[in-house]
N, C-alpha and C. Protein backbone atom coordinates (compact mmCIF):
# COMPACT_ATOMS: atom_id res chain seq x y z
N UNK A 1 -6.86 1.58 -9.35
CA UNK A 1 -5.02 2.53 -9.17
C UNK A 1 -5.91 3.70 -9.57
N UNK A 2 -5.17 4.34 -10.08
CA UNK A 2 -4.94 6.15 -10.03
C UNK A 2 -4.35 6.22 -11.13
N UNK A 3 -4.25 6.61 -11.40
CA UNK A 3 -3.65 7.57 -12.43
C UNK A 3 -2.37 7.74 -11.62
N UNK A 4 -0.99 8.13 -12.95
CA UNK A 4 0.51 9.27 -12.41
C UNK A 4 0.43 8.00 -11.53
N UNK A 5 1.79 8.97 -10.27
CA UNK A 5 2.47 8.72 -9.66
C UNK A 5 2.08 7.59 -8.89
N UNK A 6 2.88 6.20 -8.85
CA UNK A 6 3.11 4.94 -7.67
C UNK A 6 1.97 5.79 -6.09
N UNK A 7 1.49 4.84 -5.71
CA UNK A 7 0.16 5.17 -4.71
C UNK A 7 1.60 4.85 -3.71
N UNK A 8 1.54 5.86 -2.83
CA UNK A 8 2.45 5.79 -1.39
C UNK A 8 2.34 4.71 -0.85
N UNK A 9 0.86 4.40 0.13
CA UNK A 9 0.93 3.62 1.38
C UNK A 9 0.44 2.47 0.16
N UNK A 10 0.14 1.34 1.39
CA UNK A 10 -0.50 0.02 0.96
C UNK A 10 -1.12 -0.16 1.76
N UNK A 11 -2.17 -0.82 2.40
CA UNK A 11 -2.50 -0.71 3.33
C UNK A 11 -3.21 -2.17 3.81
N UNK A 12 -2.18 -3.41 3.61
CA UNK A 12 -2.67 -4.37 3.84
C UNK A 12 -3.36 -5.24 5.17
N UNK A 13 -4.57 -6.13 4.48
CA UNK A 13 -5.51 -6.20 5.44
C UNK A 13 -5.05 -8.26 5.18
N UNK A 14 -6.04 -8.65 5.64
CA UNK A 14 -6.75 -9.96 5.64
C UNK A 14 -8.52 -10.54 5.78
N UNK A 15 -8.64 -9.36 7.04
CA UNK A 15 -10.01 -9.87 7.30
C UNK A 15 -10.46 -8.28 8.06
N UNK A 16 -11.69 -8.23 8.33
CA UNK A 16 -13.11 -7.65 8.57
C UNK A 16 -12.25 -6.12 9.06
N UNK A 17 -11.46 -6.85 10.74
CA UNK A 17 -11.53 -5.88 11.45
C UNK A 17 -10.31 -5.12 10.66
N UNK A 18 -8.95 -5.31 10.60
CA UNK A 18 -8.18 -5.08 10.31
C UNK A 18 -8.30 -4.09 9.01
N UNK A 19 -9.58 -4.79 8.09
CA UNK A 19 -9.66 -3.53 7.30
C UNK A 19 -10.36 -1.93 7.62
N UNK A 20 -11.49 -2.28 8.07
CA UNK A 20 -11.87 -1.69 8.94
C UNK A 20 -10.82 -0.45 9.50
N UNK A 21 -9.91 -1.23 10.08
CA UNK A 21 -9.24 0.32 11.03
C UNK A 21 -7.65 0.97 10.31
N UNK A 22 -8.04 0.80 9.15
CA UNK A 22 -7.19 0.80 7.90
C UNK A 22 -8.01 1.93 7.57
N UNK A 23 -8.91 1.61 7.41
CA UNK A 23 -10.11 2.49 5.94
C UNK A 23 -9.91 4.05 6.34
N UNK A 24 -10.06 4.86 7.47
CA UNK A 24 -9.91 6.30 8.11
C UNK A 24 -8.04 6.68 7.28
N UNK A 25 -7.48 5.74 8.51
CA UNK A 25 -6.19 6.30 7.85
C UNK A 25 -6.21 6.21 6.50
N UNK A 26 -6.20 5.61 5.30
CA UNK A 26 -6.33 5.15 4.09
C UNK A 26 -6.98 6.27 3.62
N UNK A 27 -7.68 6.90 4.41
CA UNK A 27 -8.30 7.71 3.54
C UNK A 27 -8.37 9.27 3.35
N UNK A 28 -7.70 9.12 4.98
CA UNK A 28 -6.83 10.57 5.38
C UNK A 28 -5.24 10.51 4.85
N UNK A 29 -4.94 9.69 3.92
CA UNK A 29 -3.49 9.79 3.55
C UNK A 29 -4.15 9.60 1.89
N UNK A 30 -3.57 10.00 1.14
CA UNK A 30 -2.93 10.90 0.03
C UNK A 30 -2.64 9.37 -0.51
N UNK A 31 -2.79 9.13 -1.81
CA UNK A 31 -2.22 8.11 -1.75
C UNK A 31 -1.65 6.44 -1.81
N UNK A 32 -3.07 6.03 -1.06
CA UNK A 32 -2.99 4.97 -0.15
C UNK A 32 -4.38 3.97 -0.95
N UNK A 33 -3.42 2.79 -0.81
CA UNK A 33 -4.97 1.93 -1.12
C UNK A 33 -4.88 0.61 -0.60
N UNK A 34 -5.82 0.65 -0.51
CA UNK A 34 -6.52 -0.88 0.20
C UNK A 34 -5.89 -1.86 -0.11
N UNK A 35 -4.42 -3.39 0.13
CA UNK A 35 -4.52 -4.44 -0.15
C UNK A 35 -5.20 -5.35 0.79
N UNK A 36 -6.67 -6.27 0.15
CA UNK A 36 -6.96 -6.86 0.53
C UNK A 36 -6.77 -8.74 0.40
N UNK A 37 -5.59 -9.30 1.55
CA UNK A 37 -4.45 -9.71 1.31
C UNK A 37 -6.12 -11.54 1.18
N UNK A 38 -5.97 -12.40 -0.11
CA UNK A 38 -7.30 -13.10 0.33
C UNK A 38 -6.23 -14.61 0.80
N UNK A 39 -6.38 -14.31 1.86
CA UNK A 39 -5.93 -15.78 2.32
C UNK A 39 -6.77 -17.07 1.94
N UNK A 40 -8.45 -16.81 0.78
CA UNK A 40 -9.43 -17.72 1.32
C UNK A 40 -10.63 -17.44 0.69
N UNK A 41 -11.32 -17.96 -0.02
CA UNK A 41 -12.33 -17.41 -1.10
C UNK A 41 -12.90 -16.33 0.10
N UNK A 42 -13.93 -15.54 -0.36
CA UNK A 42 -14.16 -14.09 -0.22
C UNK A 42 -15.21 -14.21 -0.05
N UNK A 43 -16.25 -13.78 1.01
CA UNK A 43 -17.89 -13.99 1.30
C UNK A 43 -18.66 -12.76 -0.17
N UNK A 44 -19.57 -12.91 -0.66
CA UNK A 44 -19.88 -11.48 -1.15
C UNK A 44 -20.02 -10.42 -0.26
N UNK A 45 -20.88 -10.94 0.25
CA UNK A 45 -20.86 -9.89 1.39
C UNK A 45 -20.58 -8.85 2.38
N UNK A 46 -20.27 -7.96 2.82
CA UNK A 46 -19.17 -7.50 3.71
C UNK A 46 -18.45 -7.02 2.62
N UNK A 47 -17.12 -8.02 1.58
CA UNK A 47 -15.94 -7.35 0.62
C UNK A 47 -16.70 -7.23 0.01
N UNK A 48 -18.41 -7.52 -1.00
CA UNK A 48 -18.74 -6.46 -2.05
C UNK A 48 -18.86 -4.99 -1.62
N UNK A 49 -19.70 -5.02 0.01
CA UNK A 49 -20.21 -3.84 0.17
C UNK A 49 -18.35 -2.96 0.72
N UNK A 50 -17.89 -3.67 1.37
CA UNK A 50 -16.71 -2.77 1.96
C UNK A 50 -15.95 -2.15 0.35
N UNK A 51 -15.89 -3.04 -0.25
CA UNK A 51 -15.07 -2.15 -1.79
C UNK A 51 -16.12 -0.92 -2.44
N UNK A 52 -16.88 -1.66 -2.69
CA UNK A 52 -18.11 -0.21 -2.77
C UNK A 52 -18.68 1.57 -3.18
N UNK A 53 -17.50 0.78 -1.41
CA UNK A 53 -17.84 1.97 -0.52
C UNK A 53 -16.63 2.64 -0.03
N UNK A 54 -15.68 1.96 -0.13
CA UNK A 54 -13.84 2.20 0.61
C UNK A 54 -14.05 4.00 0.22
N UNK A 55 -14.23 4.15 -1.04
CA UNK A 55 -13.99 5.67 -1.32
C UNK A 55 -12.27 5.53 -1.03
N UNK A 56 -11.97 4.38 -1.34
CA UNK A 56 -10.31 4.79 -2.03
C UNK A 56 -9.37 3.47 -2.79
N UNK A 57 -8.75 3.20 -3.16
CA UNK A 57 -8.85 2.28 -4.25
C UNK A 57 -8.27 0.59 -3.44
N UNK A 58 -9.32 -0.53 -3.24
CA UNK A 58 -9.20 -1.51 -3.07
C UNK A 58 -8.76 -2.76 -4.30
N UNK A 59 -7.52 -3.26 -3.36
CA UNK A 59 -6.78 -3.68 -4.55
C UNK A 59 -7.46 -5.76 -3.49
N UNK A 60 -7.79 -7.16 -4.21
CA UNK A 60 -7.97 -7.70 -3.95
C UNK A 60 -6.39 -8.67 -4.50
N UNK A 61 -5.74 -9.10 -3.85
CA UNK A 61 -4.23 -9.86 -4.20
C UNK A 61 -4.20 -10.90 -3.21
N UNK A 62 -4.09 -12.08 -4.03
CA UNK A 62 -3.26 -13.37 -3.23
C UNK A 62 -2.16 -14.00 -3.18
N UNK A 63 -3.40 -14.43 -1.88
CA UNK A 63 -1.77 -14.49 -0.49
C UNK A 63 -0.89 -14.88 -1.25
N UNK A 64 -0.76 -15.89 -2.26
CA UNK A 64 0.76 -16.51 -2.80
C UNK A 64 1.53 -15.49 -3.72
N UNK A 65 1.55 -14.18 -3.80
CA UNK A 65 1.21 -13.47 -4.77
C UNK A 65 1.67 -12.23 -4.27
N UNK A 66 1.98 -12.35 -2.99
CA UNK A 66 2.15 -10.95 -2.47
C UNK A 66 3.40 -10.26 -2.30
N UNK A 67 4.53 -10.71 -2.30
CA UNK A 67 5.57 -10.67 -2.86
C UNK A 67 6.49 -9.66 -3.91
N UNK A 68 4.96 -9.96 -5.19
CA UNK A 68 4.29 -9.41 -6.49
C UNK A 68 4.61 -7.94 -5.77
N UNK A 69 4.05 -7.35 -4.86
CA UNK A 69 3.17 -5.96 -4.36
C UNK A 69 4.72 -4.66 -3.51
N UNK A 70 6.29 -5.90 -4.25
CA UNK A 70 7.09 -4.75 -3.08
C UNK A 70 8.03 -4.10 -4.36
N UNK A 71 7.53 -3.38 -3.95
CA UNK A 71 8.05 -1.74 -4.19
C UNK A 71 6.88 -0.99 -5.20
N UNK A 72 6.29 -1.19 -5.49
CA UNK A 72 4.71 -0.74 -5.69
C UNK A 72 4.09 0.68 -4.66
N UNK A 73 4.47 0.62 -3.21
CA UNK A 73 3.84 0.98 -3.06
C UNK A 73 5.60 1.44 -2.17
N UNK A 74 5.69 3.11 -1.57
CA UNK A 74 6.60 2.78 -0.79
C UNK A 74 6.84 2.35 0.27
N UNK A 75 5.75 2.31 1.82
CA UNK A 75 5.74 1.79 2.90
C UNK A 75 4.14 1.31 2.62
N UNK A 76 4.43 -0.41 3.09
CA UNK A 76 2.87 -1.12 3.08
C UNK A 76 2.87 -1.00 4.50
N UNK A 77 1.66 -0.74 5.29
CA UNK A 77 1.39 -0.61 6.25
C UNK A 77 0.45 -2.08 6.96
N UNK A 78 0.93 -2.65 7.75
CA UNK A 78 -0.03 -4.45 8.71
C UNK A 78 -0.33 -3.50 9.91
N UNK A 79 -1.55 -5.14 9.85
CA UNK A 79 -0.96 -5.11 11.34
C UNK A 79 -0.39 -6.08 12.10
N UNK A 80 -0.79 -6.87 11.16
CA UNK A 80 0.33 -8.06 11.42
C UNK A 80 0.78 -8.79 9.95
N UNK A 81 2.08 -9.93 9.78
CA UNK A 81 2.99 -10.43 9.28
C UNK A 81 1.75 -11.17 7.71
N UNK A 82 1.93 -10.40 7.14
CA UNK A 82 1.48 -11.27 5.44
C UNK A 82 1.99 -11.52 4.83
N UNK A 83 1.05 -12.89 3.79
CA UNK A 83 2.12 -13.63 3.49
C UNK A 83 3.62 -13.52 2.94
N UNK A 84 4.30 -13.74 2.71
CA UNK A 84 6.11 -13.16 2.48
C UNK A 84 6.66 -11.65 2.33
N UNK A 85 6.11 -12.20 3.47
CA UNK A 85 6.19 -10.51 4.42
C UNK A 85 7.62 -10.52 4.02
N UNK A 86 8.72 -11.30 4.71
CA UNK A 86 9.99 -11.72 4.95
C UNK A 86 10.51 -11.53 2.81
N UNK A 87 9.94 -11.11 2.02
CA UNK A 87 10.22 -10.63 0.85
C UNK A 87 10.74 -9.55 0.06
N UNK A 88 9.98 -9.31 1.44
CA UNK A 88 10.45 -7.26 -0.18
C UNK A 88 11.52 -6.81 1.34
N UNK A 89 12.16 -5.52 -0.23
CA UNK A 89 13.69 -5.26 0.40
C UNK A 89 12.99 -3.79 -0.81
N UNK A 90 12.22 -3.62 -1.37
CA UNK A 90 12.56 -1.88 -1.91
C UNK A 90 11.11 -1.66 -1.23
N UNK A 91 10.41 -1.95 -0.80
CA UNK A 91 8.69 -1.15 -0.06
C UNK A 91 9.12 -1.29 1.40
N UNK A 92 9.53 -0.28 2.44
CA UNK A 92 9.42 -0.17 4.07
C UNK A 92 8.37 -1.20 4.66
N UNK A 93 7.62 -1.61 5.99
CA UNK A 93 7.36 -2.11 6.44
C UNK A 93 7.16 -1.08 7.79
N UNK A 94 5.72 -0.72 8.01
CA UNK A 94 5.21 -0.80 8.96
C UNK A 94 4.17 -1.35 9.92
N UNK A 95 4.21 -1.15 10.72
CA UNK A 95 3.30 -1.83 11.36
C UNK A 95 2.56 -1.45 12.48
N UNK A 96 1.37 -1.33 12.54
CA UNK A 96 0.84 -0.86 13.07
C UNK A 96 0.32 -1.70 14.66
N UNK A 97 0.05 -0.95 15.61
CA UNK A 97 -0.79 -2.05 16.66
C UNK A 97 -1.87 -2.36 16.93
N UNK A 98 -2.43 -3.44 17.23
CA UNK A 98 -3.86 -3.31 16.89
C UNK A 98 -4.48 -3.57 18.19
N UNK A 99 -3.96 -3.83 19.34
CA UNK A 99 -4.78 -3.68 20.73
C UNK A 99 -3.94 -3.60 21.79
N UNK A 100 -4.22 -4.07 22.72
CA UNK A 100 -3.27 -4.02 24.53
C UNK A 100 -3.39 -6.17 24.48
N UNK A 101 -4.54 -6.61 24.09
CA UNK A 101 -4.36 -7.70 24.67
C UNK A 101 -3.05 -8.78 23.83
N UNK A 102 -2.87 -10.52 24.49
CA UNK A 102 -2.29 -11.60 24.30
C UNK A 102 -1.00 -10.32 24.32
N UNK A 103 -0.82 -9.86 24.94
CA UNK A 103 0.66 -8.76 25.46
C UNK A 103 1.90 -9.88 24.42
N UNK A 104 1.40 -11.77 25.07
CA UNK A 104 3.47 -11.97 24.92
C UNK A 104 3.35 -11.79 23.30
N UNK A 105 2.26 -11.87 22.31
CA UNK A 105 1.48 -12.49 21.05
C UNK A 105 2.16 -10.76 20.40
N UNK A 106 1.90 -9.75 20.96
CA UNK A 106 1.54 -7.93 20.45
C UNK A 106 3.26 -7.61 21.12
N UNK A 107 3.58 -8.25 21.62
CA UNK A 107 5.21 -7.72 21.59
C UNK A 107 6.42 -8.67 20.91
N UNK A 108 6.06 -10.00 19.88
CA UNK A 108 6.21 -11.04 19.47
C UNK A 108 8.03 -10.34 18.69
N UNK A 109 8.69 -11.25 18.69
CA UNK A 109 9.57 -11.27 18.05
C UNK A 109 9.52 -11.31 16.55
N UNK A 110 8.34 -11.44 16.12
CA UNK A 110 7.56 -11.25 15.00
C UNK A 110 7.80 -9.85 14.55
N UNK A 111 7.40 -8.65 14.97
CA UNK A 111 7.43 -7.18 14.98
C UNK A 111 9.21 -6.82 14.31
N UNK A 112 10.00 -7.49 14.19
CA UNK A 112 11.47 -7.12 14.12
C UNK A 112 10.98 -7.71 12.35
N UNK A 113 10.09 -8.30 11.98
CA UNK A 113 10.55 -8.27 10.49
C UNK A 113 9.42 -6.45 9.80
N UNK A 114 9.92 -5.62 10.80
CA UNK A 114 9.51 -4.33 10.77
C UNK A 114 10.19 -3.10 10.15
N UNK A 115 10.77 -1.59 9.16
CA UNK A 115 11.34 -1.26 9.69
C UNK A 115 10.61 -0.09 10.01
N UNK A 116 9.46 -0.21 10.97
CA UNK A 116 8.74 0.61 11.56
C UNK A 116 7.80 0.28 12.71
N UNK A 117 7.55 0.11 13.45
CA UNK A 117 6.21 -0.48 14.89
C UNK A 117 5.83 1.18 14.87
N UNK A 118 4.11 1.44 15.07
CA UNK A 118 3.35 2.39 15.53
C UNK A 118 2.64 2.21 16.41
N UNK A 119 2.81 2.24 17.49
CA UNK A 119 2.44 2.26 18.77
C UNK A 119 1.85 3.72 19.67
N UNK A 120 0.76 2.84 19.93
CA UNK A 120 -0.40 3.38 21.11
C UNK A 120 0.37 4.69 21.87
N UNK A 121 1.30 4.24 23.01
CA UNK A 121 2.44 5.24 23.53
C UNK A 121 3.35 4.60 23.86
N UNK A 122 3.83 4.58 25.52
CA UNK A 122 5.00 4.59 25.70
C UNK A 122 5.56 3.22 26.62
N UNK A 123 4.61 2.04 27.27
CA UNK A 123 4.44 1.26 27.63
C UNK A 123 4.57 0.82 25.78
N UNK A 124 3.73 0.20 25.20
CA UNK A 124 4.32 -0.52 24.02
C UNK A 124 5.66 -0.16 23.52
N UNK A 125 5.36 0.75 23.10
CA UNK A 125 7.22 1.56 23.14
C UNK A 125 8.01 0.83 23.01
N UNK A 126 8.08 0.57 24.83
CA UNK A 126 9.00 0.22 25.86
C UNK A 126 9.32 -1.30 25.50
N UNK A 127 7.88 -1.69 24.69
CA UNK A 127 8.64 -3.86 24.81
C UNK A 127 8.37 -3.44 22.83
N UNK A 128 8.79 -2.89 22.80
CA UNK A 128 8.67 -3.45 21.34
C UNK A 128 9.89 -2.73 20.51
N UNK A 129 10.15 -1.83 20.87
CA UNK A 129 11.98 -1.79 21.15
C UNK A 129 13.45 -2.21 20.84
N UNK A 130 12.78 -2.69 21.26
CA UNK A 130 13.95 -4.21 21.51
C UNK A 130 14.17 -5.06 20.37
N UNK A 131 12.85 -4.63 18.95
CA UNK A 131 12.77 -5.11 17.85
C UNK A 131 12.84 -4.83 17.18
N UNK A 132 12.37 -2.75 16.48
CA UNK A 132 12.31 -2.48 15.94
C UNK A 132 12.61 -0.98 16.33
N UNK A 133 12.47 -0.12 15.38
CA UNK A 133 11.86 1.55 15.63
C UNK A 133 10.09 1.36 16.10
N UNK A 134 10.18 2.07 16.52
CA UNK A 134 9.25 2.68 17.35
C UNK A 134 8.55 3.71 16.59
N UNK A 135 7.27 3.94 16.94
CA UNK A 135 6.61 6.01 17.27
C UNK A 135 5.36 5.45 17.59
N UNK A 136 5.41 6.87 18.97
CA UNK A 136 3.70 6.45 19.71
C UNK A 136 2.99 7.79 18.78
N UNK A 137 1.92 7.23 18.07
CA UNK A 137 0.77 8.11 17.91
C UNK A 137 -0.38 7.28 18.42
N UNK A 138 0.06 7.35 19.40
CA UNK A 138 -1.74 7.04 20.12
C UNK A 138 -2.43 5.24 19.26
N UNK A 139 -3.62 5.84 19.43
CA UNK A 139 -4.64 4.94 18.88
C UNK A 139 -5.17 5.99 18.04
N UNK A 140 -5.54 4.79 15.93
CA UNK A 140 -5.75 6.03 15.12
C UNK A 140 -7.07 6.28 15.42
N UNK A 141 -8.18 4.82 15.77
CA UNK A 141 -9.23 5.02 15.75
C UNK A 141 -10.15 5.48 16.74
N UNK A 142 -9.24 6.20 17.45
CA UNK A 142 -9.97 7.02 18.60
C UNK A 142 -9.64 8.05 17.89
N UNK A 143 -9.33 9.25 17.13
CA UNK A 143 -9.22 9.87 16.85
C UNK A 143 -10.46 10.91 15.67
N UNK A 144 -10.79 9.75 15.54
CA UNK A 144 -12.92 10.32 15.04
C UNK A 144 -13.29 10.88 15.77
N UNK A 145 -13.32 10.22 16.90
CA UNK A 145 -13.99 10.27 18.14
C UNK A 145 -13.06 11.64 19.32
N UNK A 146 -12.18 12.13 18.26
CA UNK A 146 -12.23 13.91 19.31
C UNK A 146 -11.40 12.67 20.45
N UNK A 147 -10.30 12.09 20.57
CA UNK A 147 -10.06 11.83 21.67
C UNK A 147 -8.21 11.74 21.14
N UNK A 148 -8.11 12.72 20.39
CA UNK A 148 -5.63 12.11 20.29
C UNK A 148 -4.97 11.92 21.12
N UNK A 149 -4.34 10.89 21.21
CA UNK A 149 -3.67 11.27 22.86
C UNK A 149 -4.27 10.60 23.55
N UNK A 150 -5.67 9.34 23.58
CA UNK A 150 -5.95 9.40 24.96
C UNK A 150 -5.32 8.36 25.90
N UNK A 151 -4.22 7.83 24.58
CA UNK A 151 -3.51 6.49 25.25
C UNK A 151 -1.97 7.02 25.83
N UNK A 152 -2.43 7.83 25.44
CA UNK A 152 0.27 9.02 25.95
C UNK A 152 0.03 9.47 27.29
N UNK A 153 1.09 8.67 27.81
CA UNK A 153 1.13 9.03 29.62
C UNK A 153 1.03 10.55 29.36
């Protein structure tokens, strides 16, 4: 962790796909910490290199203790529910859309666990707004290729 005020954003993920999707956002957002939810034994290869090269703080946190992170961050950003998400009361939960496949799952009732869903565009916004507030942000992963707004109407 860094000295000074509490980190504003905790990006929570449990697999390489999620953490790589969050990495650029965390680097670009002051006060960010990547939280690797430890669901099983972590292999040395990918994770040790990822943590060493992330350029932002990385916490490895046991899934059994996730609720203890509540209040540590102003906003916890995730792509899918994490362990004990329902016990969070102080930190706001923002869910970042992670794809367009598996529509019944991606647009499911579990989105109601979020205070805000960050979605690619109007199609997903119309599906998820039934469960929680939404903001259309495009696909942040595409920003590094200079294509913001690619998925907007």
